[in-house]
All heavy atoms as atom14 arrays in JSON, in Angstrom:
{
  "sequence": "VRRIADYIAKKVGDRLKELYRDDRESYVRSWQDLGTFVKF",
  "atom14_mask": [
    [1, 1, 1, 1, 1, 1, 1, 0, 0, 0, 0, 0, 0, 0],
    [1, 1, 1, 1, 1, 1, 1, 1, 1, 1, 1, 0, 0, 0],
    [1, 1, 1, 1, 1, 1, 1, 1, 1, 1, 1, 0, 0, 0],
    [1, 1, 1, 1, 1, 1, 1, 1, 0, 0, 0, 0, 0, 0],
    [1, 1, 1, 1, 1, 0, 0, 0, 0, 0, 0, 0, 0, 0],
    [1, 1, 1, 1, 1, 1, 1, 1, 0, 0, 0, 0, 0, 0],
    [1, 1, 1, 1, 1, 1, 1, 1, 1, 1, 1, 1, 0, 0],
    [1, 1, 1, 1, 1, 1, 1, 1, 0, 0, 0, 0, 0, 0],
    [1, 1, 1, 1, 1, 0, 0, 0, 0, 0, 0, 0, 0, 0],
    [1, 1, 1, 1, 1, 1, 1, 1, 1, 0, 0, 0, 0, 0],
    [1, 1, 1, 1, 1, 1, 1, 1, 1, 0, 0, 0, 0, 0],
    [1, 1, 1, 1, 1, 1, 1, 0, 0, 0, 0, 0, 0, 0],
    [1, 1, 1, 1, 0, 0, 0, 0, 0, 0, 0, 0, 0, 0],
    [1, 1, 1, 1, 1, 1, 1, 1, 0, 0, 0, 0, 0, 0],
    [1, 1, 1, 1, 1, 1, 1, 1, 1, 1, 1, 0, 0, 0],
    [1, 1, 1, 1, 1, 1, 1, 1, 0, 0, 0, 0, 0, 0],
    [1, 1, 1, 1, 1, 1, 1, 1, 1, 0, 0, 0, 0, 0],
    [1, 1, 1, 1, 1, 1, 1, 1, 1, 0, 0, 0, 0, 0],
    [1, 1, 1, 1, 1, 1, 1, 1, 0, 0, 0, 0, 0, 0],
    [1, 1, 1, 1, 1, 1, 1, 1, 1, 1, 1, 1, 0, 0],
    [1, 1, 1, 1, 1, 1, 1, 1, 1, 1, 1, 0, 0, 0],
    [1, 1, 1, 1, 1, 1, 1, 1, 0, 0, 0, 0, 0, 0],
    [1, 1, 1, 1, 1, 1, 1, 1, 0, 0, 0, 0, 0, 0],
    [1, 1, 1, 1, 1, 1, 1, 1, 1, 1, 1, 0, 0, 0],
    [1, 1, 1, 1, 1, 1, 1, 1, 1, 0, 0, 0, 0, 0],
    [1, 1, 1, 1, 1, 1, 0, 0, 0, 0, 0, 0, 0, 0],
    [1, 1, 1, 1, 1, 1, 1, 1, 1, 1, 1, 1, 0, 0],
    [1, 1, 1, 1, 1, 1, 1, 0, 0, 0, 0, 0, 0, 0],
    [1, 1, 1, 1, 1, 1, 1, 1, 1, 1, 1, 0, 0, 0],
    [1, 1, 1, 1, 1, 1, 0, 0, 0, 0, 0, 0, 0, 0],
    [1, 1, 1, 1, 1, 1, 1, 1, 1, 1, 1, 1, 1, 1],
    [1, 1, 1, 1, 1, 1, 1, 1, 1, 0, 0, 0, 0, 0],
    [1, 1, 1, 1, 1, 1, 1, 1, 0, 0, 0, 0, 0, 0],
    [1, 1, 1, 1, 1, 1, 1, 1, 0, 0, 0, 0, 0, 0],
    [1, 1, 1, 1, 0, 0, 0, 0, 0, 0, 0, 0, 0, 0],
    [1, 1, 1, 1, 1, 1, 1, 0, 0, 0, 0, 0, 0, 0],
    [1, 1, 1, 1, 1, 1, 1, 1, 1, 1, 1, 0, 0, 0],
    [1, 1, 1, 1, 1, 1, 1, 0, 0, 0, 0, 0, 0, 0],
    [1, 1, 1, 1, 1, 1, 1, 1, 1, 0, 0, 0, 0, 0],
    [1, 1, 1, 1, 1, 1, 1, 1, 1, 1, 1, 0, 0, 0]
  ],
  "atom14_positions": [
    [[18.42, 47.32, 2.96], [18.11, 45.89, 2.89], [17.25, 45.48, 4.09], [16.3, 44.7, 3.95], [19.41, 45.06, 2.84], [19.11, 43.57, 2.99], [20.14, 45.32, 1.53], [0.0, 0.0, 0.0], [0.0, 0.0, 0.0], [0.0, 0.0, 0.0], [0.0, 0.0, 0.0], [0.0, 0.0, 0.0], [0.0, 0.0, 0.0], [0.0, 0.0, 0.0]],
    [[17.57, 46.01, 5.27], [16.77, 45.68, 6.45], [15.34, 46.19, 6.29], [14.39, 45.52, 6.68], [17.41, 46.27, 7.71], [18.71, 45.61, 8.13], [19.01, 45.84, 9.61], [18.99, 47.25, 9.97], [20.04, 48.06, 9.9], [21.2, 47.58, 9.47], [19.95, 49.33, 10.26], [0.0, 0.0, 0.0], [0.0, 0.0, 0.0], [0.0, 0.0, 0.0]],
    [[15.19, 47.37, 5.72], [13.85, 47.92, 5.51], [13.08, 47.1, 4.47], [11.86, 46.9, 4.6], [13.94, 49.38, 5.08], [14.48, 50.29, 6.18], [14.77, 51.68, 5.66], [13.54, 52.41, 5.36], [13.53, 53.59, 4.74], [14.67, 54.15, 4.35], [12.39, 54.2, 4.5], [0.0, 0.0, 0.0], [0.0, 0.0, 0.0], [0.0, 0.0, 0.0]],
    [[13.77, 46.63, 3.45], [13.13, 45.76, 2.47], [12.68, 44.46, 3.12], [11.57, 43.97, 2.87], [14.1, 45.48, 1.29], [14.29, 46.76, 0.46], [13.58, 44.34, 0.42], [15.33, 46.63, -0.65], [0.0, 0.0, 0.0], [0.0, 0.0, 0.0], [0.0, 0.0, 0.0], [0.0, 0.0, 0.0], [0.0, 0.0, 0.0], [0.0, 0.0, 0.0]],
    [[13.53, 43.9, 3.99], [13.17, 42.66, 4.7], [11.93, 42.88, 5.57], [11.03, 42.03, 5.62], [14.35, 42.18, 5.54], [0.0, 0.0, 0.0], [0.0, 0.0, 0.0], [0.0, 0.0, 0.0], [0.0, 0.0, 0.0], [0.0, 0.0, 0.0], [0.0, 0.0, 0.0], [0.0, 0.0, 0.0], [0.0, 0.0, 0.0], [0.0, 0.0, 0.0]],
    [[11.87, 44.04, 6.25], [10.69, 44.35, 7.08], [9.44, 44.48, 6.21], [8.35, 44.03, 6.6], [10.93, 45.66, 7.85], [11.95, 45.5, 8.97], [12.22, 44.35, 9.37], [12.48, 46.53, 9.43], [0.0, 0.0, 0.0], [0.0, 0.0, 0.0], [0.0, 0.0, 0.0], [0.0, 0.0, 0.0], [0.0, 0.0, 0.0], [0.0, 0.0, 0.0]],
    [[9.61, 45.11, 5.05], [8.47, 45.27, 4.13], [7.95, 43.91, 3.68], [6.73, 43.67, 3.67], [8.9, 46.11, 2.93], [7.98, 46.02, 1.74], [6.76, 46.68, 1.71], [8.33, 45.24, 0.63], [5.91, 46.58, 0.62], [7.5, 45.14, -0.47], [6.28, 45.81, -0.47], [5.45, 45.69, -1.55], [0.0, 0.0, 0.0], [0.0, 0.0, 0.0]],
    [[8.86, 43.02, 3.31], [8.46, 41.68, 2.85], [7.73, 40.93, 3.95], [6.68, 40.31, 3.72], [9.69, 40.9, 2.36], [10.27, 41.56, 1.09], [9.34, 39.44, 2.08], [11.61, 41.0, 0.67], [0.0, 0.0, 0.0], [0.0, 0.0, 0.0], [0.0, 0.0, 0.0], [0.0, 0.0, 0.0], [0.0, 0.0, 0.0], [0.0, 0.0, 0.0]],
    [[8.27, 40.99, 5.18], [7.64, 40.3, 6.31], [6.23, 40.84, 6.56], [5.28, 40.08, 6.81], [8.5, 40.44, 7.56], [0.0, 0.0, 0.0], [0.0, 0.0, 0.0], [0.0, 0.0, 0.0], [0.0, 0.0, 0.0], [0.0, 0.0, 0.0], [0.0, 0.0, 0.0], [0.0, 0.0, 0.0], [0.0, 0.0, 0.0], [0.0, 0.0, 0.0]],
    [[6.07, 42.17, 6.47], [4.75, 42.76, 6.7], [3.77, 42.34, 5.62], [2.6, 42.04, 5.9], [4.86, 44.29, 6.74], [3.52, 44.97, 7.08], [3.64, 46.48, 7.12], [2.33, 47.11, 7.57], [1.18, 46.7, 6.73], [0.0, 0.0, 0.0], [0.0, 0.0, 0.0], [0.0, 0.0, 0.0], [0.0, 0.0, 0.0], [0.0, 0.0, 0.0]],
    [[4.21, 42.33, 4.37], [3.33, 41.91, 3.28], [2.89, 40.46, 3.45], [1.74, 40.11, 3.18], [4.04, 42.1, 1.93], [4.22, 43.55, 1.52], [2.89, 44.21, 1.15], [2.32, 43.68, -0.13], [1.1, 44.39, -0.55], [0.0, 0.0, 0.0], [0.0, 0.0, 0.0], [0.0, 0.0, 0.0], [0.0, 0.0, 0.0], [0.0, 0.0, 0.0]],
    [[3.81, 39.61, 3.9], [3.46, 38.2, 4.14], [2.43, 38.11, 5.26], [1.43, 37.39, 5.16], [4.73, 37.39, 4.48], [4.35, 36.01, 5.01], [5.61, 37.25, 3.24], [0.0, 0.0, 0.0], [0.0, 0.0, 0.0], [0.0, 0.0, 0.0], [0.0, 0.0, 0.0], [0.0, 0.0, 0.0], [0.0, 0.0, 0.0], [0.0, 0.0, 0.0]],
    [[2.66, 38.87, 6.34], [1.7, 38.87, 7.45], [0.33, 39.37, 7.02], [-0.7, 38.8, 7.4], [0.0, 0.0, 0.0], [0.0, 0.0, 0.0], [0.0, 0.0, 0.0], [0.0, 0.0, 0.0], [0.0, 0.0, 0.0], [0.0, 0.0, 0.0], [0.0, 0.0, 0.0], [0.0, 0.0, 0.0], [0.0, 0.0, 0.0], [0.0, 0.0, 0.0]],
    [[0.3, 40.43, 6.22], [-0.97, 40.96, 5.72], [-1.71, 39.93, 4.88], [-2.94, 39.8, 4.97], [-0.73, 42.22, 4.88], [-0.31, 43.41, 5.72], [-0.51, 43.37, 6.95], [0.25, 44.38, 5.15], [0.0, 0.0, 0.0], [0.0, 0.0, 0.0], [0.0, 0.0, 0.0], [0.0, 0.0, 0.0], [0.0, 0.0, 0.0], [0.0, 0.0, 0.0]],
    [[-0.96, 39.21, 4.06], [-1.6, 38.2, 3.19], [-2.19, 37.07, 4.01], [-3.28, 36.57, 3.71], [-0.55, 37.65, 2.2], [-1.1, 36.59, 1.26], [-2.07, 37.18, 0.26], [-2.57, 36.18, -0.66], [-3.71, 35.51, -0.5], [-4.48, 35.75, 0.55], [-4.1, 34.61, -1.38], [0.0, 0.0, 0.0], [0.0, 0.0, 0.0], [0.0, 0.0, 0.0]],
    [[-1.49, 36.65, 5.06], [-2.0, 35.58, 5.92], [-3.26, 36.03, 6.66], [-4.24, 35.28, 6.77], [-0.93, 35.16, 6.91], [0.29, 34.43, 6.32], [1.39, 34.28, 7.36], [-0.11, 33.06, 5.79], [0.0, 0.0, 0.0], [0.0, 0.0, 0.0], [0.0, 0.0, 0.0], [0.0, 0.0, 0.0], [0.0, 0.0, 0.0], [0.0, 0.0, 0.0]],
    [[-3.25, 37.26, 7.15], [-4.44, 37.77, 7.84], [-5.62, 37.89, 6.89], [-6.77, 37.62, 7.26], [-4.11, 39.13, 8.47], [-3.16, 39.03, 9.66], [-2.64, 40.38, 10.09], [-3.7, 41.24, 10.71], [-3.14, 42.52, 11.23], [0.0, 0.0, 0.0], [0.0, 0.0, 0.0], [0.0, 0.0, 0.0], [0.0, 0.0, 0.0], [0.0, 0.0, 0.0]],
    [[-5.33, 38.29, 5.66], [-6.39, 38.39, 4.65], [-7.01, 37.02, 4.38], [-8.23, 36.88, 4.3], [-5.79, 38.97, 3.37], [-6.77, 39.05, 2.21], [-6.08, 39.42, 0.9], [-4.83, 39.41, 0.85], [-6.79, 39.67, -0.09], [0.0, 0.0, 0.0], [0.0, 0.0, 0.0], [0.0, 0.0, 0.0], [0.0, 0.0, 0.0], [0.0, 0.0, 0.0]],
    [[-6.17, 36.0, 4.26], [-6.69, 34.66, 4.02], [-7.49, 34.16, 5.21], [-8.56, 33.56, 5.04], [-5.52, 33.7, 3.74], [-5.91, 32.28, 3.37], [-6.61, 32.25, 2.01], [-4.67, 31.37, 3.33], [0.0, 0.0, 0.0], [0.0, 0.0, 0.0], [0.0, 0.0, 0.0], [0.0, 0.0, 0.0], [0.0, 0.0, 0.0], [0.0, 0.0, 0.0]],
    [[-7.0, 34.43, 6.42], [-7.72, 34.0, 7.63], [-9.09, 34.65, 7.7], [-10.08, 34.02, 8.09], [-6.88, 34.37, 8.85], [-7.49, 33.96, 10.18], [-7.37, 32.65, 10.64], [-8.17, 34.88, 10.97], [-7.92, 32.28, 11.85], [-8.73, 34.51, 12.19], [-8.58, 33.2, 12.63], [-9.14, 32.83, 13.83], [0.0, 0.0, 0.0], [0.0, 0.0, 0.0]],
    [[-9.15, 35.91, 7.3], [-10.41, 36.65, 7.36], [-11.37, 36.25, 6.25], [-12.57, 36.08, 6.49], [-10.1, 38.15, 7.27], [-11.33, 39.05, 7.35], [-10.98, 40.49, 7.07], [-10.59, 40.69, 5.67], [-9.42, 41.17, 5.29], [-8.5, 41.51, 6.19], [-9.14, 41.33, 4.0], [0.0, 0.0, 0.0], [0.0, 0.0, 0.0], [0.0, 0.0, 0.0]],
    [[-10.85, 36.08, 5.03], [-11.72, 35.92, 3.87], [-11.96, 34.47, 3.45], [-12.96, 34.18, 2.8], [-11.14, 36.68, 2.67], [-11.04, 38.18, 2.92], [-11.76, 38.67, 3.81], [-10.25, 38.84, 2.24], [0.0, 0.0, 0.0], [0.0, 0.0, 0.0], [0.0, 0.0, 0.0], [0.0, 0.0, 0.0], [0.0, 0.0, 0.0], [0.0, 0.0, 0.0]],
    [[-11.05, 33.58, 3.8], [-11.19, 32.19, 3.37], [-10.65, 31.27, 4.47], [-9.61, 30.65, 4.33], [-10.44, 31.95, 2.05], [-10.76, 30.6, 1.42], [-11.49, 29.81, 2.05], [-10.27, 30.34, 0.31], [0.0, 0.0, 0.0], [0.0, 0.0, 0.0], [0.0, 0.0, 0.0], [0.0, 0.0, 0.0], [0.0, 0.0, 0.0], [0.0, 0.0, 0.0]],
    [[-11.38, 31.24, 5.59], [-10.91, 30.5, 6.76], [-10.67, 29.02, 6.45], [-9.71, 28.45, 6.95], [-11.95, 30.63, 7.88], [-11.54, 29.98, 9.22], [-10.53, 30.81, 9.95], [-10.97, 32.17, 10.13], [-11.8, 32.59, 11.1], [-12.26, 31.72, 11.97], [-12.15, 33.86, 11.18], [0.0, 0.0, 0.0], [0.0, 0.0, 0.0], [0.0, 0.0, 0.0]],
    [[-11.5, 28.44, 5.64], [-11.34, 27.02, 5.35], [-9.99, 26.73, 4.67], [-9.29, 25.79, 5.02], [-12.48, 26.51, 4.47], [-12.4, 25.01, 4.21], [-13.6, 24.48, 3.45], [-14.66, 25.15, 3.45], [-13.48, 23.4, 2.85], [0.0, 0.0, 0.0], [0.0, 0.0, 0.0], [0.0, 0.0, 0.0], [0.0, 0.0, 0.0], [0.0, 0.0, 0.0]],
    [[-9.62, 27.58, 3.69], [-8.33, 27.39, 3.02], [-7.19, 27.61, 4.0], [-6.17, 26.89, 3.97], [-8.19, 28.37, 1.85], [-9.12, 28.07, 0.83], [0.0, 0.0, 0.0], [0.0, 0.0, 0.0], [0.0, 0.0, 0.0], [0.0, 0.0, 0.0], [0.0, 0.0, 0.0], [0.0, 0.0, 0.0], [0.0, 0.0, 0.0], [0.0, 0.0, 0.0]],
    [[-7.34, 28.58, 4.88], [-6.31, 28.85, 5.89], [-6.12, 27.64, 6.8], [-4.99, 27.2, 7.04], [-6.72, 30.08, 6.7], [-5.69, 30.54, 7.71], [-4.65, 31.38, 7.34], [-5.76, 30.13, 9.04], [-3.72, 31.83, 8.27], [-4.83, 30.55, 9.98], [-3.81, 31.4, 9.58], [-2.88, 31.82, 10.51], [0.0, 0.0, 0.0], [0.0, 0.0, 0.0]],
    [[-7.24, 27.11, 7.29], [-7.18, 25.95, 8.19], [-6.61, 24.74, 7.46], [-5.76, 24.01, 7.99], [-8.58, 25.65, 8.76], [-8.58, 24.32, 9.52], [-9.04, 26.77, 9.66], [0.0, 0.0, 0.0], [0.0, 0.0, 0.0], [0.0, 0.0, 0.0], [0.0, 0.0, 0.0], [0.0, 0.0, 0.0], [0.0, 0.0, 0.0], [0.0, 0.0, 0.0]],
    [[-7.04, 24.54, 6.22], [-6.58, 23.39, 5.45], [-5.07, 23.46, 5.2], [-4.4, 22.43, 5.12], [-7.34, 23.32, 4.13], [-7.15, 22.01, 3.37], [-7.96, 22.02, 2.09], [-9.37, 22.09, 2.34], [-10.14, 21.06, 2.66], [-9.59, 19.85, 2.78], [-11.43, 21.21, 2.88], [0.0, 0.0, 0.0], [0.0, 0.0, 0.0], [0.0, 0.0, 0.0]],
    [[-4.55, 24.66, 5.09], [-3.13, 24.83, 4.78], [-2.26, 24.97, 6.04], [-1.05, 25.13, 5.92], [-2.94, 26.09, 3.91], [-3.7, 26.03, 2.73], [0.0, 0.0, 0.0], [0.0, 0.0, 0.0], [0.0, 0.0, 0.0], [0.0, 0.0, 0.0], [0.0, 0.0, 0.0], [0.0, 0.0, 0.0], [0.0, 0.0, 0.0], [0.0, 0.0, 0.0]],
    [[-2.88, 24.91, 7.21], [-2.16, 25.27, 8.42], [-0.97, 24.36, 8.71], [0.04, 24.81, 9.26], [-3.09, 25.29, 9.62], [-2.38, 25.69, 10.87], [-2.05, 24.91, 11.94], [-1.85, 27.0, 11.17], [-1.38, 25.64, 12.88], [-1.23, 26.92, 12.43], [-1.84, 28.21, 10.48], [-0.62, 28.02, 13.02], [-1.23, 29.29, 11.07], [-0.62, 29.2, 12.32]],
    [[-1.06, 23.1, 8.35], [0.06, 22.2, 8.64], [1.35, 22.73, 8.03], [2.44, 22.58, 8.6], [-0.24, 20.8, 8.1], [0.85, 19.79, 8.47], [0.47, 18.38, 8.06], [-0.65, 18.11, 7.67], [1.42, 17.46, 8.13], [0.0, 0.0, 0.0], [0.0, 0.0, 0.0], [0.0, 0.0, 0.0], [0.0, 0.0, 0.0], [0.0, 0.0, 0.0]],
    [[1.26, 23.37, 6.86], [2.44, 23.96, 6.23], [2.62, 25.42, 6.63], [3.73, 25.86, 6.96], [2.32, 23.87, 4.7], [2.32, 22.43, 4.22], [3.39, 21.82, 4.21], [1.25, 21.93, 3.87], [0.0, 0.0, 0.0], [0.0, 0.0, 0.0], [0.0, 0.0, 0.0], [0.0, 0.0, 0.0], [0.0, 0.0, 0.0], [0.0, 0.0, 0.0]],
    [[1.53, 26.18, 6.64], [1.62, 27.59, 6.99], [2.1, 27.79, 8.42], [2.82, 28.73, 8.73], [0.26, 28.28, 6.83], [-0.29, 28.46, 5.42], [-1.62, 29.18, 5.49], [0.68, 29.22, 4.56], [0.0, 0.0, 0.0], [0.0, 0.0, 0.0], [0.0, 0.0, 0.0], [0.0, 0.0, 0.0], [0.0, 0.0, 0.0], [0.0, 0.0, 0.0]],
    [[1.67, 26.88, 9.31], [1.99, 27.04, 10.72], [3.48, 27.1, 10.98], [3.94, 27.82, 11.88], [0.0, 0.0, 0.0], [0.0, 0.0, 0.0], [0.0, 0.0, 0.0], [0.0, 0.0, 0.0], [0.0, 0.0, 0.0], [0.0, 0.0, 0.0], [0.0, 0.0, 0.0], [0.0, 0.0, 0.0], [0.0, 0.0, 0.0], [0.0, 0.0, 0.0]],
    [[4.26, 26.37, 10.21], [5.71, 26.39, 10.4], [6.26, 27.78, 10.13], [7.07, 28.31, 10.89], [6.38, 25.37, 9.46], [5.87, 24.08, 9.74], [7.89, 25.37, 9.66], [0.0, 0.0, 0.0], [0.0, 0.0, 0.0], [0.0, 0.0, 0.0], [0.0, 0.0, 0.0], [0.0, 0.0, 0.0], [0.0, 0.0, 0.0], [0.0, 0.0, 0.0]],
    [[5.81, 28.42, 9.04], [6.25, 29.78, 8.73], [5.84, 30.75, 9.84], [6.64, 31.56, 10.31], [5.63, 30.26, 7.41], [6.12, 29.54, 6.2], [5.34, 28.62, 5.55], [7.38, 29.8, 5.68], [5.78, 27.96, 4.41], [7.84, 29.16, 4.55], [7.04, 28.23, 3.92], [0.0, 0.0, 0.0], [0.0, 0.0, 0.0], [0.0, 0.0, 0.0]],
    [[4.57, 30.67, 10.22], [4.02, 31.64, 11.17], [4.7, 31.5, 12.53], [5.06, 32.5, 13.17], [2.5, 31.46, 11.29], [1.93, 32.42, 12.33], [1.82, 31.7, 9.95], [0.0, 0.0, 0.0], [0.0, 0.0, 0.0], [0.0, 0.0, 0.0], [0.0, 0.0, 0.0], [0.0, 0.0, 0.0], [0.0, 0.0, 0.0], [0.0, 0.0, 0.0]],
    [[4.89, 30.27, 12.98], [5.52, 30.06, 14.3], [6.99, 30.44, 14.26], [7.5, 31.08, 15.2], [5.35, 28.6, 14.72], [3.91, 28.23, 15.05], [3.76, 26.74, 15.32], [2.31, 26.38, 15.57], [2.12, 24.91, 15.75], [0.0, 0.0, 0.0], [0.0, 0.0, 0.0], [0.0, 0.0, 0.0], [0.0, 0.0, 0.0], [0.0, 0.0, 0.0]],
    [[7.68, 30.05, 13.21], [9.1, 30.39, 13.08], [9.26, 31.9, 13.03], [10.17, 32.48, 13.64], [9.67, 29.73, 11.83], [11.18, 29.73, 11.77], [11.94, 29.47, 12.88], [11.83, 29.99, 10.58], [13.33, 29.48, 12.83], [13.22, 30.01, 10.5], [13.96, 29.75, 11.64], [0.0, 0.0, 0.0], [0.0, 0.0, 0.0], [0.0, 0.0, 0.0]]
  ]
}
């Protein structure tokens, strides 16, 4: 279960980095909500 949790967290991080790299405007526009996840 811990390894599954680590896998999920990594996939979420990869998706955020992909959005930041490929669609910065959408990333910035969504930051008010995304920022809470990323900071937490």
